């Protein structure tokens, strides 16, 4: 089964559509996806939790399959910078 991301291990859209949040990291890059009316993504560098980290990027996407795909692309672009 192919992953939704070529970079990160992120659950499929259904996980988020059920109202779950998710956080992860790769190397020194960390991220958190918060589910609400939209999907809110925050990124930072370092191993601190999101509450203690200096958030470097933050963006919201529509809570839909299309918004989810845009979010994955945006997150991968932040990682590659």
PDB file of N, CA and C in Angstrom:
ATOM      1  N   UNK A   1       0.854  -1.185   0.000  1.00  0.00           N
ATOM      2  CA  UNK A   1       0.000   0.000   0.000  1.00  0.00           C
ATOM      3  C   UNK A   1       0.895   1.242   0.000  1.00  0.00           C
ATOM      4  N   UNK A   2       0.750   2.128  -0.987  1.00  0.00           N
ATOM      5  CA  UNK A   2       1.607   3.314  -1.058  1.00  0.00           C
ATOM      6  C   UNK A   2       1.296   4.304   0.068  1.00  0.00           C
ATOM      7  N   UNK A   3       2.334   4.978   0.505  1.00  0.00           N
ATOM      8  CA  UNK A   3       2.190   5.983   1.556  1.00  0.00           C
ATOM      9  C   UNK A   3       1.582   7.253   0.959  1.00  0.00           C
ATOM     10  N   UNK A   4       0.936   8.047   1.795  1.00  0.00           N
ATOM     11  CA  UNK A   4       0.358   9.310   1.312  1.00  0.00           C
ATOM     12  C   UNK A   4       1.451  10.332   1.066  1.00  0.00           C
ATOM     13  N   UNK A   5       2.645  10.111   1.613  1.00  0.00           N
ATOM     14  CA  UNK A   5       3.770  11.024   1.452  1.00  0.00           C
ATOM     15  C   UNK A   5       5.003  10.235   1.048  1.00  0.00           C
ATOM     16  N   UNK A   6       5.798  10.830   0.167  1.00  0.00           N
ATOM     17  CA  UNK A   6       7.053  10.183  -0.213  1.00  0.00           C
ATOM     18  C   UNK A   6       8.149  10.459   0.817  1.00  0.00           C
ATOM     19  N   UNK A   7       7.879  11.365   1.773  1.00  0.00           N
ATOM     20  CA  UNK A   7       8.876  11.760   2.765  1.00  0.00           C
ATOM     21  C   UNK A   7       8.508  11.310   4.175  1.00  0.00           C
ATOM     22  N   UNK A   8       7.255  11.492   4.563  1.00  0.00           N
ATOM     23  CA  UNK A   8       6.812  11.250   5.935  1.00  0.00           C
ATOM     24  C   UNK A   8       5.863  10.060   6.019  1.00  0.00           C
ATOM     25  N   UNK A   9       5.811   9.445   7.189  1.00  0.00           N
ATOM     26  CA  UNK A   9       4.825   8.404   7.452  1.00  0.00           C
ATOM     27  C   UNK A   9       3.620   9.070   8.096  1.00  0.00           C
ATOM     28  N   UNK A  10       2.627   9.377   7.295  1.00  0.00           N
ATOM     29  CA  UNK A  10       1.431  10.093   7.748  1.00  0.00           C
ATOM     30  C   UNK A  10       0.212   9.223   7.446  1.00  0.00           C
ATOM     31  N   UNK A  11      -0.716   9.119   8.392  1.00  0.00           N
ATOM     32  CA  UNK A  11      -1.930   8.331   8.139  1.00  0.00           C
ATOM     33  C   UNK A  11      -2.744   8.902   6.973  1.00  0.00           C
ATOM     34  N   UNK A  12      -3.622   8.092   6.451  1.00  0.00           N
ATOM     35  CA  UNK A  12      -4.505   8.528   5.368  1.00  0.00           C
ATOM     36  C   UNK A  12      -5.521   9.555   5.870  1.00  0.00           C
ATOM     37  N   UNK A  13      -6.186  10.219   4.947  1.00  0.00           N
ATOM     38  CA  UNK A  13      -7.128  11.286   5.266  1.00  0.00           C
ATOM     39  C   UNK A  13      -8.182  10.850   6.278  1.00  0.00           C
ATOM     40  N   UNK A  14      -8.645   9.615   6.208  1.00  0.00           N
ATOM     41  CA  UNK A  14      -9.699   9.128   7.107  1.00  0.00           C
ATOM     42  C   UNK A  14      -9.328   9.346   8.575  1.00  0.00           C
ATOM     43  N   UNK A  15      -8.062   9.152   8.924  1.00  0.00           N
ATOM     44  CA  UNK A  15      -7.575   9.347  10.293  1.00  0.00           C
ATOM     45  C   UNK A  15      -7.885  10.762  10.776  1.00  0.00           C
ATOM     46  N   UNK A  16      -7.634  11.743   9.913  1.00  0.00           N
ATOM     47  CA  UNK A  16      -7.866  13.144  10.262  1.00  0.00           C
ATOM     48  C   UNK A  16      -9.345  13.507  10.185  1.00  0.00           C
ATOM     49  N   UNK A  17     -10.050  12.913   9.242  1.00  0.00           N
ATOM     50  CA  UNK A  17     -11.476  13.189   9.100  1.00  0.00           C
ATOM     51  C   UNK A  17     -12.250  12.696  10.318  1.00  0.00           C
ATOM     52  N   UNK A  18     -11.674  11.752  11.063  1.00  0.00           N
ATOM     53  CA  UNK A  18     -12.277  11.271  12.310  1.00  0.00           C
ATOM     54  C   UNK A  18     -11.947  12.183  13.491  1.00  0.00           C
ATOM     55  N   UNK A  19     -11.186  13.255  13.245  1.00  0.00           N
ATOM     56  CA  UNK A  19     -10.908  14.239  14.283  1.00  0.00           C
ATOM     57  C   UNK A  19      -9.603  14.068  15.028  1.00  0.00           C
ATOM     58  N   UNK A  20      -8.722  13.224  14.540  1.00  0.00           N
ATOM     59  CA  UNK A  20      -7.451  12.975  15.218  1.00  0.00           C
ATOM     60  C   UNK A  20      -6.365  13.971  14.823  1.00  0.00           C
ATOM     61  N   UNK A  21      -5.478  14.284  15.767  1.00  0.00           N
ATOM     62  CA  UNK A  21      -4.288  15.089  15.509  1.00  0.00           C
ATOM     63  C   UNK A  21      -3.118  14.147  15.294  1.00  0.00           C
ATOM     64  N   UNK A  22      -2.035  14.689  14.728  1.00  0.00           N
ATOM     65  CA  UNK A  22      -0.877  13.849  14.445  1.00  0.00           C
ATOM     66  C   UNK A  22       0.383  14.699  14.474  1.00  0.00           C
ATOM     67  N   UNK A  23       1.457  14.161  15.017  1.00  0.00           N
ATOM     68  CA  UNK A  23       2.738  14.860  14.963  1.00  0.00           C
ATOM     69  C   UNK A  23       3.827  13.867  14.611  1.00  0.00           C
ATOM     70  N   UNK A  24       4.897  14.389  14.033  1.00  0.00           N
ATOM     71  CA  UNK A  24       6.007  13.536  13.649  1.00  0.00           C
ATOM     72  C   UNK A  24       7.236  14.362  13.350  1.00  0.00           C
ATOM     73  N   UNK A  25       8.290  13.671  12.954  1.00  0.00           N
ATOM     74  CA  UNK A  25       9.528  14.361  12.605  1.00  0.00           C
ATOM     75  C   UNK A  25      10.339  13.506  11.656  1.00  0.00           C
ATOM     76  N   UNK A  26      11.243  14.173  10.983  1.00  0.00           N
ATOM     77  CA  UNK A  26      12.227  13.502  10.130  1.00  0.00           C
ATOM     78  C   UNK A  26      13.488  14.330  10.226  1.00  0.00           C
ATOM     79  N   UNK A  27      14.564  13.687  10.620  1.00  0.00           N
ATOM     80  CA  UNK A  27      15.813  14.388  10.886  1.00  0.00           C
ATOM     81  C   UNK A  27      15.543  15.458  11.946  1.00  0.00           C
ATOM     82  N   UNK A  28      15.861  16.709  11.665  1.00  0.00           N
ATOM     83  CA  UNK A  28      15.670  17.801  12.631  1.00  0.00           C
ATOM     84  C   UNK A  28      14.361  18.559  12.369  1.00  0.00           C
ATOM     85  N   UNK A  29      13.565  18.106  11.406  1.00  0.00           N
ATOM     86  CA  UNK A  29      12.325  18.773  10.994  1.00  0.00           C
ATOM     87  C   UNK A  29      11.142  18.127  11.713  1.00  0.00           C
ATOM     88  N   UNK A  30      10.378  18.934  12.429  1.00  0.00           N
ATOM     89  CA  UNK A  30       9.211  18.430  13.159  1.00  0.00           C
ATOM     90  C   UNK A  30       7.940  19.094  12.652  1.00  0.00           C
ATOM     91  N   UNK A  31       6.818  18.401  12.808  1.00  0.00           N
ATOM     92  CA  UNK A  31       5.540  18.944  12.345  1.00  0.00           C
ATOM     93  C   UNK A  31       4.400  18.423  13.214  1.00  0.00           C
ATOM     94  N   UNK A  32       3.314  19.176  13.198  1.00  0.00           N
ATOM     95  CA  UNK A  32       2.096  18.761  13.888  1.00  0.00           C
ATOM     96  C   UNK A  32       0.912  19.136  13.013  1.00  0.00           C
ATOM     97  N   UNK A  33      -0.033  18.214  12.875  1.00  0.00           N
ATOM     98  CA  UNK A  33      -1.262  18.435  12.120  1.00  0.00           C
ATOM     99  C   UNK A  33      -2.406  18.385  13.122  1.00  0.00           C
ATOM    100  N   UNK A  34      -3.153  19.485  13.204  1.00  0.00           N
ATOM    101  CA  UNK A  34      -4.266  19.600  14.151  1.00  0.00           C
ATOM    102  C   UNK A  34      -5.562  19.614  13.348  1.00  0.00           C
ATOM    103  N   UNK A  35      -6.472  18.734  13.714  1.00  0.00           N
ATOM    104  CA  UNK A  35      -7.741  18.620  13.007  1.00  0.00           C
ATOM    105  C   UNK A  35      -8.815  19.432  13.715  1.00  0.00           C
ATOM    106  N   UNK A  36      -9.487  20.281  12.952  1.00  0.00           N
ATOM    107  CA  UNK A  36     -10.626  21.052  13.424  1.00  0.00           C
ATOM    108  C   UNK A  36     -11.558  21.210  12.241  1.00  0.00           C
ATOM    109  N   UNK A  37     -12.131  22.389  12.069  1.00  0.00           N
ATOM    110  CA  UNK A  37     -12.920  22.639  10.857  1.00  0.00           C
ATOM    111  C   UNK A  37     -12.027  22.516   9.633  1.00  0.00           C
ATOM    112  N   UNK A  38     -10.750  22.879   9.805  1.00  0.00           N
ATOM    113  CA  UNK A  38      -9.727  22.742   8.764  1.00  0.00           C
ATOM    114  C   UNK A  38      -8.604  21.866   9.299  1.00  0.00           C
ATOM    115  N   UNK A  39      -7.621  21.598   8.450  1.00  0.00           N
ATOM    116  CA  UNK A  39      -6.401  20.918   8.876  1.00  0.00           C
ATOM    117  C   UNK A  39      -5.336  21.995   9.058  1.00  0.00           C
ATOM    118  N   UNK A  40      -4.841  22.155  10.260  1.00  0.00           N
ATOM    119  CA  UNK A  40      -3.832  23.161  10.564  1.00  0.00           C
ATOM    120  C   UNK A  40      -2.493  22.461  10.739  1.00  0.00           C
ATOM    121  N   UNK A  41      -1.476  22.938  10.029  1.00  0.00           N
ATOM    122  CA  UNK A  41      -0.154  22.333  10.082  1.00  0.00           C
ATOM    123  C   UNK A  41       0.855  23.337  10.616  1.00  0.00           C
ATOM    124  N   UNK A  42       1.703  22.890  11.525  1.00  0.00           N
ATOM    125  CA  UNK A  42       2.777  23.708  12.068  1.00  0.00           C
ATOM    126  C   UNK A  42       4.090  22.957  11.861  1.00  0.00           C
ATOM    127  N   UNK A  43       5.160  23.694  11.534  1.00  0.00           N
ATOM    128  CA  UNK A  43       6.476  23.073  11.389  1.00  0.00           C
ATOM    129  C   UNK A  43       7.516  23.853  12.184  1.00  0.00           C
ATOM    130  N   UNK A  44       8.554  23.150  12.602  1.00  0.00           N
ATOM    131  CA  UNK A  44       9.674  23.755  13.313  1.00  0.00           C
ATOM    132  C   UNK A  44      10.863  22.806  13.225  1.00  0.00           C
ATOM    133  N   UNK A  45      12.014  23.303  13.619  1.00  0.00           N
ATOM    134  CA  UNK A  45      13.213  22.469  13.669  1.00  0.00           C
ATOM    135  C   UNK A  45      13.565  22.195  15.123  1.00  0.00           C
ATOM    136  N   UNK A  46      14.004  20.999  15.394  1.00  0.00           N
ATOM    137  CA  UNK A  46      14.376  20.610  16.738  1.00  0.00           C
ATOM    138  C   UNK A  46      13.454  19.531  17.268  1.00  0.00           C
ATOM    139  N   UNK A  47      13.805  19.006  18.419  1.00  0.00           N
ATOM    140  CA  UNK A  47      13.057  17.894  19.012  1.00  0.00           C
ATOM    141  C   UNK A  47      12.062  18.334  20.086  1.00  0.00           C
ATOM    142  N   UNK A  48      11.902  19.647  20.285  1.00  0.00           N
ATOM    143  CA  UNK A  48      10.937  20.136  21.272  1.00  0.00           C
ATOM    144  C   UNK A  48       9.520  19.848  20.811  1.00  0.00           C
ATOM    145  N   UNK A  49       8.610  19.740  21.761  1.00  0.00           N
ATOM    146  CA  UNK A  49       7.199  19.581  21.413  1.00  0.00           C
ATOM    147  C   UNK A  49       6.682  20.904  20.851  1.00  0.00           C
ATOM    148  N   UNK A  50       5.553  20.869  20.181  1.00  0.00           N
ATOM    149  CA  UNK A  50       5.019  22.065  19.524  1.00  0.00           C
ATOM    150  C   UNK A  50       4.723  23.194  20.503  1.00  0.00           C
ATOM    151  N   UNK A  51       4.390  22.857  21.745  1.00  0.00           N
ATOM    152  CA  UNK A  51       4.069  23.898  22.720  1.00  0.00           C
ATOM    153  C   UNK A  51       5.312  24.658  23.185  1.00  0.00           C
ATOM    154  N   UNK A  52       6.487  24.041  23.069  1.00  0.00           N
ATOM    155  CA  UNK A  52       7.720  24.693  23.509  1.00  0.00           C
ATOM    156  C   UNK A  52       8.590  25.157  22.348  1.00  0.00           C
ATOM    157  N   UNK A  53       8.266  24.742  21.140  1.00  0.00           N
ATOM    158  CA  UNK A  53       9.079  25.066  19.966  1.00  0.00           C
ATOM    159  C   UNK A  53       8.738  26.445  19.426  1.00  0.00           C
ATOM    160  N   UNK A  54       9.673  26.998  18.663  1.00  0.00           N
ATOM    161  CA  UNK A  54       9.419  28.228  17.915  1.00  0.00           C
ATOM    162  C   UNK A  54       8.858  27.785  16.559  1.00  0.00           C
ATOM    163  N   UNK A  55       7.562  27.977  16.380  1.00  0.00           N
ATOM    164  CA  UNK A  55       6.901  27.547  15.142  1.00  0.00           C
ATOM    165  C   UNK A  55       7.407  28.409  13.987  1.00  0.00           C
ATOM    166  N   UNK A  56       7.920  27.755  12.958  1.00  0.00           N
ATOM    167  CA  UNK A  56       8.503  28.464  11.814  1.00  0.00           C
ATOM    168  C   UNK A  56       7.496  28.672  10.686  1.00  0.00           C
ATOM    169  N   UNK A  57       6.617  27.711  10.490  1.00  0.00           N
ATOM    170  CA  UNK A  57       5.601  27.779   9.432  1.00  0.00           C
ATOM    171  C   UNK A  57       4.278  27.275   9.982  1.00  0.00           C
ATOM    172  N   UNK A  58       3.215  27.905   9.539  1.00  0.00           N
ATOM    173  CA  UNK A  58       1.879  27.491   9.959  1.00  0.00           C
ATOM    174  C   UNK A  58       0.931  27.772   8.803  1.00  0.00           C
ATOM    175  N   UNK A  59       0.067  26.804   8.508  1.00  0.00           N
ATOM    176  CA  UNK A  59      -0.869  26.983   7.392  1.00  0.00           C
ATOM    177  C   UNK A  59      -2.098  26.117   7.635  1.00  0.00           C
ATOM    178  N   UNK A  60      -3.246  26.566   7.123  1.00  0.00           N
ATOM    179  CA  UNK A  60      -4.479  25.779   7.226  1.00  0.00           C
ATOM    180  C   UNK A  60      -4.943  25.352   5.845  1.00  0.00           C
ATOM    181  N   UNK A  61      -5.509  24.157   5.803  1.00  0.00           N
ATOM    182  CA  UNK A  61      -6.026  23.585   4.567  1.00  0.00           C
ATOM    183  C   UNK A  61      -7.443  23.101   4.806  1.00  0.00           C
ATOM    184  N   UNK A  62      -8.220  23.082   3.741  1.00  0.00           N
ATOM    185  CA  UNK A  62      -9.591  22.576   3.813  1.00  0.00           C
ATOM    186  C   UNK A  62      -9.565  21.126   4.288  1.00  0.00           C
ATOM    187  N   UNK A  63     -10.502  20.791   5.144  1.00  0.00           N
ATOM    188  CA  UNK A  63     -10.599  19.409   5.646  1.00  0.00           C
ATOM    189  C   UNK A  63     -11.369  18.578   4.626  1.00  0.00           C
ATOM    190  N   UNK A  64     -10.662  18.194   3.580  1.00  0.00           N
ATOM    191  CA  UNK A  64     -11.205  17.383   2.487  1.00  0.00           C
ATOM    192  C   UNK A  64     -10.052  16.586   1.893  1.00  0.00           C
ATOM    193  N   UNK A  65     -10.365  15.642   1.035  1.00  0.00           N
ATOM    194  CA  UNK A  65      -9.321  14.861   0.356  1.00  0.00           C
ATOM    195  C   UNK A  65      -8.388  15.791  -0.421  1.00  0.00           C
ATOM    196  N   UNK A  66      -8.961  16.804  -1.088  1.00  0.00           N
ATOM    197  CA  UNK A  66      -8.161  17.744  -1.875  1.00  0.00           C
ATOM    198  C   UNK A  66      -7.270  18.590  -0.970  1.00  0.00           C
ATOM    199  N   UNK A  67      -7.843  19.095   0.117  1.00  0.00           N
ATOM    200  CA  UNK A  67      -7.072  19.880   1.070  1.00  0.00           C
ATOM    201  C   UNK A  67      -5.967  19.054   1.708  1.00  0.00           C
ATOM    202  N   UNK A  68      -6.255  17.799   1.974  1.00  0.00           N
ATOM    203  CA  UNK A  68      -5.275  16.892   2.557  1.00  0.00           C
ATOM    204  C   UNK A  68      -4.097  16.699   1.603  1.00  0.00           C
ATOM    205  N   UNK A  69      -4.376  16.499   0.318  1.00  0.00           N
ATOM    206  CA  UNK A  69      -3.317  16.338  -0.685  1.00  0.00           C
ATOM    207  C   UNK A  69      -2.472  17.616  -0.782  1.00  0.00           C
ATOM    208  N   UNK A  70      -3.112  18.783  -0.738  1.00  0.00           N
ATOM    209  CA  UNK A  70      -2.385  20.058  -0.758  1.00  0.00           C
ATOM    210  C   UNK A  70      -1.502  20.181   0.487  1.00  0.00           C
ATOM    211  N   UNK A  71      -2.027  19.754   1.632  1.00  0.00           N
ATOM    212  CA  UNK A  71      -1.282  19.820   2.882  1.00  0.00           C
ATOM    213  C   UNK A  71      -0.017  18.963   2.808  1.00  0.00           C
ATOM    214  N   UNK A  72      -0.131  17.750   2.283  1.00  0.00           N
ATOM    215  CA  UNK A  72       1.028  16.858   2.161  1.00  0.00           C
ATOM    216  C   UNK A  72       2.085  17.514   1.269  1.00  0.00           C
ATOM    217  N   UNK A  73       1.666  18.062   0.151  1.00  0.00           N
ATOM    218  CA  UNK A  73       2.600  18.724  -0.776  1.00  0.00           C
ATOM    219  C   UNK A  73       3.287  19.899  -0.077  1.00  0.00           C
ATOM    220  N   UNK A  74       2.520  20.716   0.636  1.00  0.00           N
ATOM    221  CA  UNK A  74       3.063  21.874   1.352  1.00  0.00           C
ATOM    222  C   UNK A  74       4.079  21.421   2.393  1.00  0.00           C
ATOM    223  N   UNK A  75       3.748  20.380   3.148  1.00  0.00           N
ATOM    224  CA  UNK A  75       4.631  19.877   4.188  1.00  0.00           C
ATOM    225  C   UNK A  75       5.941  19.352   3.588  1.00  0.00           C
ATOM    226  N   UNK A  76       5.862  18.623   2.509  1.00  0.00           N
ATOM    227  CA  UNK A  76       7.069  18.117   1.843  1.00  0.00           C
ATOM    228  C   UNK A  76       7.931  19.254   1.314  1.00  0.00           C
ATOM    229  N   UNK A  77       7.295  20.315   0.796  1.00  0.00           N
ATOM    230  CA  UNK A  77       8.037  21.485   0.314  1.00  0.00           C
ATOM    231  C   UNK A  77       8.770  22.187   1.459  1.00  0.00           C
ATOM    232  N   UNK A  78       8.132  22.309   2.620  1.00  0.00           N
ATOM    233  CA  UNK A  78       8.791  22.927   3.783  1.00  0.00           C
ATOM    234  C   UNK A  78      10.004  22.097   4.195  1.00  0.00           C
ATOM    235  N   UNK A  79       9.873  20.789   4.156  1.00  0.00           N
ATOM    236  CA  UNK A  79      10.973  19.907   4.537  1.00  0.00           C
ATOM    237  C   UNK A  79      12.158  20.055   3.583  1.00  0.00           C
ATOM    238  N   UNK A  80      11.881  20.177   2.303  1.00  0.00           N
ATOM    239  CA  UNK A  80      12.957  20.211   1.308  1.00  0.00           C
ATOM    240  C   UNK A  80      13.698  21.548   1.283  1.00  0.00           C
ATOM    241  N   UNK A  81      13.165  22.573   1.975  1.00  0.00           N
ATOM    242  CA  UNK A  81      13.825  23.897   1.981  1.00  0.00           C
ATOM    243  C   UNK A  81      14.907  23.949   2.986  1.00  0.00           C
TER     244      UNK A  81
END
